[in-house]
Amino acid sequence: MRLDRNPWLLAGGIASGLAALVHLACIAGGSAWYRAVGAPPQVVHAVERGAWQPVLVTVAIAAGLTIWAAYALAGAGVIRRMPLLRLALIGITAIYLLRGLMFRPELLGRPDLSQTFALWSAGIVLAMGLVHAVGLRRGWNQL
């Protein structure tokens, strides 16, 4: 497979993979890392108490992001083709774009988040969605 076929989906795959690693780093780093990435205070306190729920949710998010990275890398031609590739990439792109447009904490149903965190995270996720969208559009015929 050619590595240069779809650099946009390659970048999207790398970004999703890095996001998964950041989530796993939060587990390893404990409450300080959760706090640093903007987790709500109740999540930070739960981690400090040793609750398993935040870790389980974080692992699930990291697993989902890893799967999304694999689909983007498959679309880029870096790894073998995956089932329902077009449909999956459409869904992943839509989720990233929709989440990116939710830049206010109340839009996320999370008034406990700071406005700064909501804006930064929305900007990052929106950029990831746009990268996926360009990659999906440019690589459509090869997918």
C-alpha atoms as a PDB file:
ATOM      1  CA  MET A   1       0.000   0.000   0.000  1.00  0.00           C
ATOM      2  CA  ARG A   2       1.194   3.510  -0.777  1.00  0.00           C
ATOM      3  CA  LEU A   3       1.907   5.766   2.206  1.00  0.00           C
ATOM      4  CA  ASP A   4       1.292   8.932   0.197  1.00  0.00           C
ATOM      5  CA  ARG A   5      -2.162   7.996  -1.078  1.00  0.00           C
ATOM      6  CA  ASN A   6      -4.111  10.098   1.406  1.00  0.00           C
ATOM      7  CA  PRO A   7      -2.020  12.275   3.720  1.00  0.00           C
ATOM      8  CA  TRP A   8      -5.170  13.822   5.202  1.00  0.00           C
ATOM      9  CA  LEU A   9      -6.464  10.515   6.521  1.00  0.00           C
ATOM     10  CA  LEU A  10      -2.938   9.641   7.635  1.00  0.00           C
ATOM     11  CA  ALA A  11      -2.897  12.856   9.680  1.00  0.00           C
ATOM     12  CA  GLY A  12      -6.373  12.077  11.020  1.00  0.00           C
ATOM     13  CA  GLY A  13      -5.261   8.606  12.048  1.00  0.00           C
ATOM     14  CA  ILE A  14      -2.202   9.968  13.803  1.00  0.00           C
ATOM     15  CA  ALA A  15      -4.321  12.594  15.588  1.00  0.00           C
ATOM     16  CA  SER A  16      -6.816   9.979  16.791  1.00  0.00           C
ATOM     17  CA  GLY A  17      -3.953   7.765  17.938  1.00  0.00           C
ATOM     18  CA  LEU A  18      -2.376  10.628  19.860  1.00  0.00           C
ATOM     19  CA  ALA A  19      -5.708  11.418  21.485  1.00  0.00           C
ATOM     20  CA  ALA A  20      -5.957   7.783  22.584  1.00  0.00           C
ATOM     21  CA  LEU A  21      -2.462   7.997  24.065  1.00  0.00           C
ATOM     22  CA  VAL A  22      -3.356  11.173  25.975  1.00  0.00           C
ATOM     23  CA  HIS A  23      -6.326   9.369  27.500  1.00  0.00           C
ATOM     24  CA  LEU A  24      -4.130   6.460  28.550  1.00  0.00           C
ATOM     25  CA  ALA A  25      -1.553   8.893  29.934  1.00  0.00           C
ATOM     26  CA  CYS A  26      -4.278  10.313  32.166  1.00  0.00           C
ATOM     27  CA  ILE A  27      -4.763   6.893  33.717  1.00  0.00           C
ATOM     28  CA  ALA A  28      -1.021   6.527  34.281  1.00  0.00           C
ATOM     29  CA  GLY A  29      -0.634  10.107  35.526  1.00  0.00           C
ATOM     30  CA  GLY A  30      -3.544  10.001  37.928  1.00  0.00           C
ATOM     31  CA  SER A  31      -5.637  12.886  39.130  1.00  0.00           C
ATOM     32  CA  ALA A  32      -3.038  15.511  38.204  1.00  0.00           C
ATOM     33  CA  TRP A  33      -3.273  14.490  34.543  1.00  0.00           C
ATOM     34  CA  TYR A  34      -7.065  14.340  34.607  1.00  0.00           C
ATOM     35  CA  ARG A  35      -7.070  17.830  36.099  1.00  0.00           C
ATOM     36  CA  ALA A  36      -4.517  19.091  33.536  1.00  0.00           C
ATOM     37  CA  VAL A  37      -6.628  17.990  30.570  1.00  0.00           C
ATOM     38  CA  GLY A  38      -9.731  19.641  32.005  1.00  0.00           C
ATOM     39  CA  ALA A  39     -11.667  16.771  33.529  1.00  0.00           C
ATOM     40  CA  PRO A  40     -14.527  17.961  35.723  1.00  0.00           C
ATOM     41  CA  PRO A  41     -13.766  18.212  39.451  1.00  0.00           C
ATOM     42  CA  GLN A  42     -16.030  15.269  40.318  1.00  0.00           C
ATOM     43  CA  VAL A  43     -14.041  13.028  37.962  1.00  0.00           C
ATOM     44  CA  VAL A  44     -10.750  14.218  39.444  1.00  0.00           C
ATOM     45  CA  HIS A  45     -12.061  13.539  42.966  1.00  0.00           C
ATOM     46  CA  ALA A  46     -13.277  10.093  41.939  1.00  0.00           C
ATOM     47  CA  VAL A  47      -9.791   9.286  40.594  1.00  0.00           C
ATOM     48  CA  GLU A  48      -8.274  10.524  43.856  1.00  0.00           C
ATOM     49  CA  ARG A  49     -10.609   8.222  45.804  1.00  0.00           C
ATOM     50  CA  GLY A  50      -9.501   5.292  43.655  1.00  0.00           C
ATOM     51  CA  ALA A  51     -12.859   4.813  41.936  1.00  0.00           C
ATOM     52  CA  TRP A  52     -12.735   2.499  38.918  1.00  0.00           C
ATOM     53  CA  GLN A  53     -15.448   4.250  36.861  1.00  0.00           C
ATOM     54  CA  PRO A  54     -13.273   7.119  35.514  1.00  0.00           C
ATOM     55  CA  VAL A  55     -10.565   4.655  34.527  1.00  0.00           C
ATOM     56  CA  LEU A  56     -13.077   2.389  32.790  1.00  0.00           C
ATOM     57  CA  VAL A  57     -14.595   5.310  30.869  1.00  0.00           C
ATOM     58  CA  THR A  58     -11.128   6.571  29.928  1.00  0.00           C
ATOM     59  CA  VAL A  59     -10.083   3.125  28.666  1.00  0.00           C
ATOM     60  CA  ALA A  60     -13.292   2.901  26.623  1.00  0.00           C
ATOM     61  CA  ILE A  61     -12.645   6.313  25.059  1.00  0.00           C
ATOM     62  CA  ALA A  62      -9.029   5.364  24.294  1.00  0.00           C
ATOM     63  CA  ALA A  63     -10.195   2.097  22.712  1.00  0.00           C
ATOM     64  CA  GLY A  64     -12.720   3.930  20.544  1.00  0.00           C
ATOM     65  CA  LEU A  65     -10.115   6.470  19.451  1.00  0.00           C
ATOM     66  CA  THR A  66      -7.719   3.639  18.616  1.00  0.00           C
ATOM     67  CA  ILE A  67     -10.348   2.015  16.404  1.00  0.00           C
ATOM     68  CA  TRP A  68     -10.983   5.377  14.741  1.00  0.00           C
ATOM     69  CA  ALA A  69      -7.241   5.767  14.168  1.00  0.00           C
ATOM     70  CA  ALA A  70      -7.143   2.335  12.538  1.00  0.00           C
ATOM     71  CA  TYR A  71      -9.992   3.242  10.188  1.00  0.00           C
ATOM     72  CA  ALA A  72      -8.297   6.486   9.164  1.00  0.00           C
ATOM     73  CA  LEU A  73      -5.007   4.656   8.609  1.00  0.00           C
ATOM     74  CA  ALA A  74      -6.828   2.047   6.520  1.00  0.00           C
ATOM     75  CA  GLY A  75      -8.379   4.847   4.479  1.00  0.00           C
ATOM     76  CA  ALA A  76      -4.922   6.364   4.042  1.00  0.00           C
ATOM     77  CA  GLY A  77      -3.659   3.073   2.675  1.00  0.00           C
ATOM     78  CA  VAL A  78      -1.221   2.493   5.521  1.00  0.00           C
ATOM     79  CA  ILE A  79      -2.855  -0.655   6.867  1.00  0.00           C
ATOM     80  CA  ARG A  80      -5.151  -3.199   5.237  1.00  0.00           C
ATOM     81  CA  ARG A  81      -8.699  -2.269   4.323  1.00  0.00           C
ATOM     82  CA  MET A  82     -11.222  -2.561   7.149  1.00  0.00           C
ATOM     83  CA  PRO A  83     -14.902  -3.551   6.949  1.00  0.00           C
ATOM     84  CA  LEU A  84     -17.402  -0.822   6.101  1.00  0.00           C
ATOM     85  CA  LEU A  85     -14.544   1.637   5.588  1.00  0.00           C
ATOM     86  CA  ARG A  86     -16.527   4.400   3.869  1.00  0.00           C
ATOM     87  CA  LEU A  87     -19.434   4.188   6.294  1.00  0.00           C
ATOM     88  CA  ALA A  88     -17.137   4.161   9.313  1.00  0.00           C
ATOM     89  CA  LEU A  89     -15.148   7.150   8.072  1.00  0.00           C
ATOM     90  CA  ILE A  90     -18.347   9.075   7.391  1.00  0.00           C
ATOM     91  CA  GLY A  91     -19.529   8.365  10.941  1.00  0.00           C
ATOM     92  CA  ILE A  92     -16.175   9.203  12.532  1.00  0.00           C
ATOM     93  CA  THR A  93     -15.946  12.441  10.570  1.00  0.00           C
ATOM     94  CA  ALA A  94     -19.512  13.416  11.489  1.00  0.00           C
ATOM     95  CA  ILE A  95     -18.918  12.745  15.184  1.00  0.00           C
ATOM     96  CA  TYR A  96     -15.713  14.796  15.207  1.00  0.00           C
ATOM     97  CA  LEU A  97     -17.384  17.676  13.355  1.00  0.00           C
ATOM     98  CA  LEU A  98     -20.502  17.675  15.528  1.00  0.00           C
ATOM     99  CA  ARG A  99     -18.464  17.492  18.725  1.00  0.00           C
ATOM    100  CA  GLY A 100     -16.232  20.276  17.430  1.00  0.00           C
ATOM    101  CA  LEU A 101     -19.223  22.538  16.891  1.00  0.00           C
ATOM    102  CA  MET A 102     -20.258  22.117  20.524  1.00  0.00           C
ATOM    103  CA  PHE A 103     -17.952  24.810  21.840  1.00  0.00           C
ATOM    104  CA  ARG A 104     -20.006  25.887  24.832  1.00  0.00           C
ATOM    105  CA  PRO A 105     -20.179  23.757  27.986  1.00  0.00           C
ATOM    106  CA  GLU A 106     -23.979  23.914  28.056  1.00  0.00           C
ATOM    107  CA  LEU A 107     -24.134  22.531  24.498  1.00  0.00           C
ATOM    108  CA  LEU A 108     -22.274  19.479  25.758  1.00  0.00           C
ATOM    109  CA  GLY A 109     -24.663  19.145  28.681  1.00  0.00           C
ATOM    110  CA  ARG A 110     -21.647  19.793  30.902  1.00  0.00           C
ATOM    111  CA  PRO A 111     -21.977  23.152  32.664  1.00  0.00           C
ATOM    112  CA  ASP A 112     -19.205  21.946  35.019  1.00  0.00           C
ATOM    113  CA  LEU A 113     -16.587  22.411  32.269  1.00  0.00           C
ATOM    114  CA  SER A 114     -14.757  25.704  31.972  1.00  0.00           C
ATOM    115  CA  GLN A 115     -15.406  27.850  28.910  1.00  0.00           C
ATOM    116  CA  THR A 116     -11.677  27.787  28.126  1.00  0.00           C
ATOM    117  CA  PHE A 117     -11.549  23.978  28.150  1.00  0.00           C
ATOM    118  CA  ALA A 118     -14.715  23.764  26.070  1.00  0.00           C
ATOM    119  CA  LEU A 119     -13.294  26.131  23.446  1.00  0.00           C
ATOM    120  CA  TRP A 120      -9.878  24.457  23.248  1.00  0.00           C
ATOM    121  CA  SER A 121     -11.251  20.935  23.097  1.00  0.00           C
ATOM    122  CA  ALA A 122     -13.882  21.929  20.539  1.00  0.00           C
ATOM    123  CA  GLY A 123     -11.208  23.574  18.398  1.00  0.00           C
ATOM    124  CA  ILE A 124      -8.968  20.524  18.484  1.00  0.00           C
ATOM    125  CA  VAL A 125     -11.812  18.125  17.711  1.00  0.00           C
ATOM    126  CA  LEU A 126     -13.168  20.392  14.967  1.00  0.00           C
ATOM    127  CA  ALA A 127      -9.715  20.464  13.354  1.00  0.00           C
ATOM    128  CA  MET A 128      -9.596  16.661  13.534  1.00  0.00           C
ATOM    129  CA  GLY A 129     -13.028  16.496  11.920  1.00  0.00           C
ATOM    130  CA  LEU A 130     -12.005  18.850   9.126  1.00  0.00           C
ATOM    131  CA  VAL A 131      -8.851  16.827   8.442  1.00  0.00           C
ATOM    132  CA  HIS A 132     -10.962  13.665   8.246  1.00  0.00           C
ATOM    133  CA  ALA A 133     -13.498  15.411   5.996  1.00  0.00           C
ATOM    134  CA  VAL A 134     -10.843  16.567   3.532  1.00  0.00           C
ATOM    135  CA  GLY A 135      -9.284  13.101   3.562  1.00  0.00           C
ATOM    136  CA  LEU A 136     -12.640  11.452   3.032  1.00  0.00           C
ATOM    137  CA  ARG A 137     -13.478  13.761   0.131  1.00  0.00           C
ATOM    138  CA  ARG A 138     -10.083  13.429  -1.545  1.00  0.00           C
ATOM    139  CA  GLY A 139      -9.884   9.693  -1.119  1.00  0.00           C
ATOM    140  CA  TRP A 140     -13.516   8.803  -1.811  1.00  0.00           C
ATOM    141  CA  ASN A 141     -12.856   6.942  -5.055  1.00  0.00           C
ATOM    142  CA  GLN A 142     -10.111   4.835  -3.471  1.00  0.00           C
ATOM    143  CA  LEU A 143     -12.143   3.902  -0.391  1.00  0.00           C
END
